[in-house]
N, C-alpha and C. Protein backbone atom coordinates (compact mmCIF):
# COMPACT_ATOMS: atom_id res chain seq x y z
N UNK A 1 76.89 162.46 113.72
CA UNK A 1 75.69 161.75 113.34
C UNK A 1 75.48 161.90 111.83
N UNK A 2 75.14 160.81 111.17
CA UNK A 2 74.93 160.81 109.72
C UNK A 2 73.54 161.35 109.41
N UNK A 3 73.48 162.23 108.43
CA UNK A 3 72.19 162.76 108.01
C UNK A 3 71.47 161.70 107.17
N UNK A 4 70.19 161.53 107.43
CA UNK A 4 69.41 160.56 106.67
C UNK A 4 69.28 161.02 105.22
N UNK A 5 69.15 160.07 104.27
CA UNK A 5 69.09 160.42 102.85
C UNK A 5 67.74 160.95 102.41
N UNK A 6 67.05 161.66 103.27
CA UNK A 6 65.79 162.27 102.90
C UNK A 6 65.54 163.49 103.76
N UNK A 7 64.65 164.33 103.31
CA UNK A 7 64.22 165.47 104.12
C UNK A 7 62.70 165.58 103.96
N UNK A 8 62.15 166.56 104.59
CA UNK A 8 60.69 166.72 104.53
C UNK A 8 60.34 168.01 103.79
N UNK A 9 59.26 167.95 103.05
CA UNK A 9 58.74 169.13 102.37
C UNK A 9 58.00 169.98 103.40
N UNK A 10 57.68 171.22 103.06
CA UNK A 10 56.91 172.04 104.01
C UNK A 10 55.60 171.39 104.45
N UNK A 11 55.01 170.55 103.60
CA UNK A 11 53.77 169.87 103.94
C UNK A 11 53.97 168.61 104.76
N UNK A 12 55.23 168.21 104.99
CA UNK A 12 55.54 167.05 105.80
C UNK A 12 55.83 165.78 105.04
N UNK A 13 55.72 165.81 103.72
CA UNK A 13 56.01 164.61 102.92
C UNK A 13 57.51 164.34 102.95
N UNK A 14 57.87 163.07 102.88
CA UNK A 14 59.28 162.69 102.86
C UNK A 14 59.79 162.76 101.42
N UNK A 15 60.91 163.46 101.24
CA UNK A 15 61.55 163.56 99.93
C UNK A 15 62.90 162.87 100.05
N UNK A 16 63.04 161.75 99.34
CA UNK A 16 64.28 160.98 99.40
C UNK A 16 65.18 161.32 98.22
N UNK A 17 66.47 161.30 98.46
CA UNK A 17 67.46 161.49 97.41
C UNK A 17 67.98 160.11 97.01
N UNK A 18 67.34 159.52 96.01
CA UNK A 18 67.69 158.16 95.61
C UNK A 18 69.11 158.01 95.13
N UNK A 19 69.63 159.01 94.42
CA UNK A 19 71.00 158.93 93.93
C UNK A 19 71.99 158.93 95.09
N UNK A 20 71.74 159.77 96.08
CA UNK A 20 72.62 159.82 97.24
C UNK A 20 72.55 158.51 98.02
N UNK A 21 71.37 157.98 98.19
CA UNK A 21 71.21 156.72 98.90
C UNK A 21 71.94 155.60 98.16
N UNK A 22 71.81 155.57 96.83
CA UNK A 22 72.53 154.58 96.03
C UNK A 22 74.04 154.70 96.20
N UNK A 23 74.54 155.93 96.11
CA UNK A 23 75.98 156.16 96.23
C UNK A 23 76.51 155.78 97.61
N UNK A 24 75.75 156.07 98.66
CA UNK A 24 76.16 155.71 100.01
C UNK A 24 76.14 154.20 100.19
N UNK A 25 75.16 153.53 99.59
CA UNK A 25 75.08 152.07 99.68
C UNK A 25 76.26 151.43 98.99
N UNK A 26 76.61 151.91 97.79
CA UNK A 26 77.74 151.37 97.05
C UNK A 26 79.04 151.60 97.80
N UNK A 27 79.21 152.80 98.36
CA UNK A 27 80.41 153.10 99.13
C UNK A 27 80.51 152.20 100.36
N UNK A 28 79.38 151.96 101.01
CA UNK A 28 79.37 151.06 102.17
C UNK A 28 79.73 149.64 101.80
N UNK A 29 79.19 149.15 100.68
CA UNK A 29 79.54 147.81 100.21
C UNK A 29 81.02 147.72 99.87
N UNK A 30 81.53 148.75 99.21
CA UNK A 30 82.95 148.79 98.84
C UNK A 30 83.83 148.72 100.08
N UNK A 31 83.48 149.51 101.10
CA UNK A 31 84.25 149.52 102.35
C UNK A 31 84.19 148.16 103.04
N UNK A 32 83.02 147.53 103.04
CA UNK A 32 82.88 146.22 103.67
C UNK A 32 83.71 145.17 102.94
N UNK A 33 83.67 145.19 101.62
CA UNK A 33 84.44 144.24 100.83
C UNK A 33 85.94 144.48 101.03
N UNK A 34 86.36 145.73 101.01
CA UNK A 34 87.77 146.06 101.22
C UNK A 34 88.25 145.63 102.60
N UNK A 35 87.43 145.89 103.63
CA UNK A 35 87.85 145.55 104.99
C UNK A 35 87.87 144.04 105.23
N UNK A 36 87.16 143.30 104.40
CA UNK A 36 87.16 141.83 104.51
C UNK A 36 88.30 141.21 103.71
N UNK A 37 89.17 142.03 103.14
CA UNK A 37 90.30 141.52 102.39
C UNK A 37 90.01 141.24 100.94
N UNK A 38 89.02 141.89 100.41
CA UNK A 38 88.64 141.76 99.00
C UNK A 38 88.34 140.32 98.58
N UNK A 39 87.43 139.66 99.29
CA UNK A 39 87.05 138.31 98.85
C UNK A 39 86.28 138.38 97.53
N UNK A 40 86.23 137.27 96.84
CA UNK A 40 85.50 137.23 95.57
C UNK A 40 83.99 137.30 95.86
N UNK A 41 83.38 138.38 95.46
CA UNK A 41 81.94 138.57 95.62
C UNK A 41 81.37 138.78 94.22
N UNK A 42 80.29 138.07 93.91
CA UNK A 42 79.74 138.12 92.56
C UNK A 42 78.25 138.40 92.59
N UNK A 43 77.82 139.29 91.72
CA UNK A 43 76.40 139.53 91.48
C UNK A 43 76.02 138.71 90.25
N UNK A 44 75.15 137.74 90.43
CA UNK A 44 74.71 136.91 89.31
C UNK A 44 73.35 137.43 88.83
N UNK A 45 73.23 137.61 87.54
CA UNK A 45 71.97 138.08 86.96
C UNK A 45 71.53 137.10 85.88
N UNK A 46 70.24 136.99 85.72
CA UNK A 46 69.66 136.15 84.67
C UNK A 46 68.75 137.04 83.85
N UNK A 47 68.99 137.10 82.58
CA UNK A 47 68.20 137.92 81.67
C UNK A 47 67.51 136.99 80.68
N UNK A 48 66.21 137.01 80.66
CA UNK A 48 65.44 136.14 79.78
C UNK A 48 64.79 137.01 78.70
N UNK A 49 65.04 136.68 77.47
CA UNK A 49 64.43 137.41 76.36
C UNK A 49 65.29 138.57 75.89
N UNK A 50 64.71 139.38 75.00
CA UNK A 50 65.43 140.48 74.36
C UNK A 50 64.83 141.84 74.70
N UNK A 51 64.27 141.97 75.89
CA UNK A 51 63.65 143.22 76.31
C UNK A 51 64.72 144.27 76.57
N UNK A 52 64.76 145.34 75.76
CA UNK A 52 65.81 146.35 75.85
C UNK A 52 65.86 147.04 77.22
N UNK A 53 64.73 147.46 77.80
CA UNK A 53 64.80 148.06 79.13
C UNK A 53 65.40 147.12 80.18
N UNK A 54 65.11 145.84 80.07
CA UNK A 54 65.68 144.87 81.01
C UNK A 54 67.19 144.75 80.81
N UNK A 55 67.62 144.80 79.57
CA UNK A 55 69.06 144.75 79.28
C UNK A 55 69.77 145.96 79.88
N UNK A 56 69.16 147.13 79.75
CA UNK A 56 69.75 148.33 80.33
C UNK A 56 69.80 148.26 81.86
N UNK A 57 68.74 147.72 82.46
CA UNK A 57 68.68 147.58 83.91
C UNK A 57 69.80 146.66 84.40
N UNK A 58 69.96 145.52 83.76
CA UNK A 58 71.00 144.57 84.16
C UNK A 58 72.39 145.18 83.95
N UNK A 59 72.59 145.87 82.84
CA UNK A 59 73.89 146.52 82.59
C UNK A 59 74.19 147.55 83.68
N UNK A 60 73.17 148.28 84.11
CA UNK A 60 73.35 149.26 85.17
C UNK A 60 73.75 148.58 86.48
N UNK A 61 73.10 147.48 86.81
CA UNK A 61 73.43 146.74 88.04
C UNK A 61 74.84 146.19 87.98
N UNK A 62 75.25 145.72 86.81
CA UNK A 62 76.61 145.19 86.66
C UNK A 62 77.64 146.30 86.83
N UNK A 63 77.35 147.49 86.30
CA UNK A 63 78.27 148.62 86.44
C UNK A 63 78.40 149.02 87.91
N UNK A 64 77.29 149.09 88.62
CA UNK A 64 77.33 149.48 90.04
C UNK A 64 78.01 148.40 90.88
N UNK A 65 77.84 147.14 90.51
CA UNK A 65 78.53 146.06 91.21
C UNK A 65 80.03 146.23 91.07
N UNK A 66 80.49 146.59 89.89
CA UNK A 66 81.92 146.81 89.67
C UNK A 66 82.42 147.97 90.53
N UNK A 67 81.63 149.04 90.66
CA UNK A 67 82.01 150.16 91.49
C UNK A 67 82.14 149.77 92.96
N UNK A 68 81.36 148.77 93.36
CA UNK A 68 81.39 148.29 94.74
C UNK A 68 82.48 147.26 94.97
N UNK A 69 83.22 146.89 93.91
CA UNK A 69 84.30 145.93 94.05
C UNK A 69 83.86 144.50 93.84
N UNK A 70 82.73 144.32 93.19
CA UNK A 70 82.20 142.99 92.94
C UNK A 70 82.35 142.64 91.46
N UNK A 71 82.38 141.36 91.16
CA UNK A 71 82.30 140.93 89.76
C UNK A 71 80.83 140.66 89.47
N UNK A 72 80.50 140.54 88.22
CA UNK A 72 79.11 140.21 87.86
C UNK A 72 79.12 139.35 86.61
N UNK A 73 78.10 138.54 86.53
CA UNK A 73 77.96 137.65 85.37
C UNK A 73 76.52 137.64 84.94
């Protein structure tokens, strides 16, 4: 059985491990794409303006898409 990507604090609050969840999601996407014979899958992004935080966010998504076996534009 797979352990869920979160645990509970002593007070009962849910504490999620976002990095682990992200890594498991990317690995799952990679496995799905590989098992499908590596079809062309693309993440399309649209960036409007020169907002630096938005540029960093899109660059991060493009990097993770590449790790999952996808192209990005």
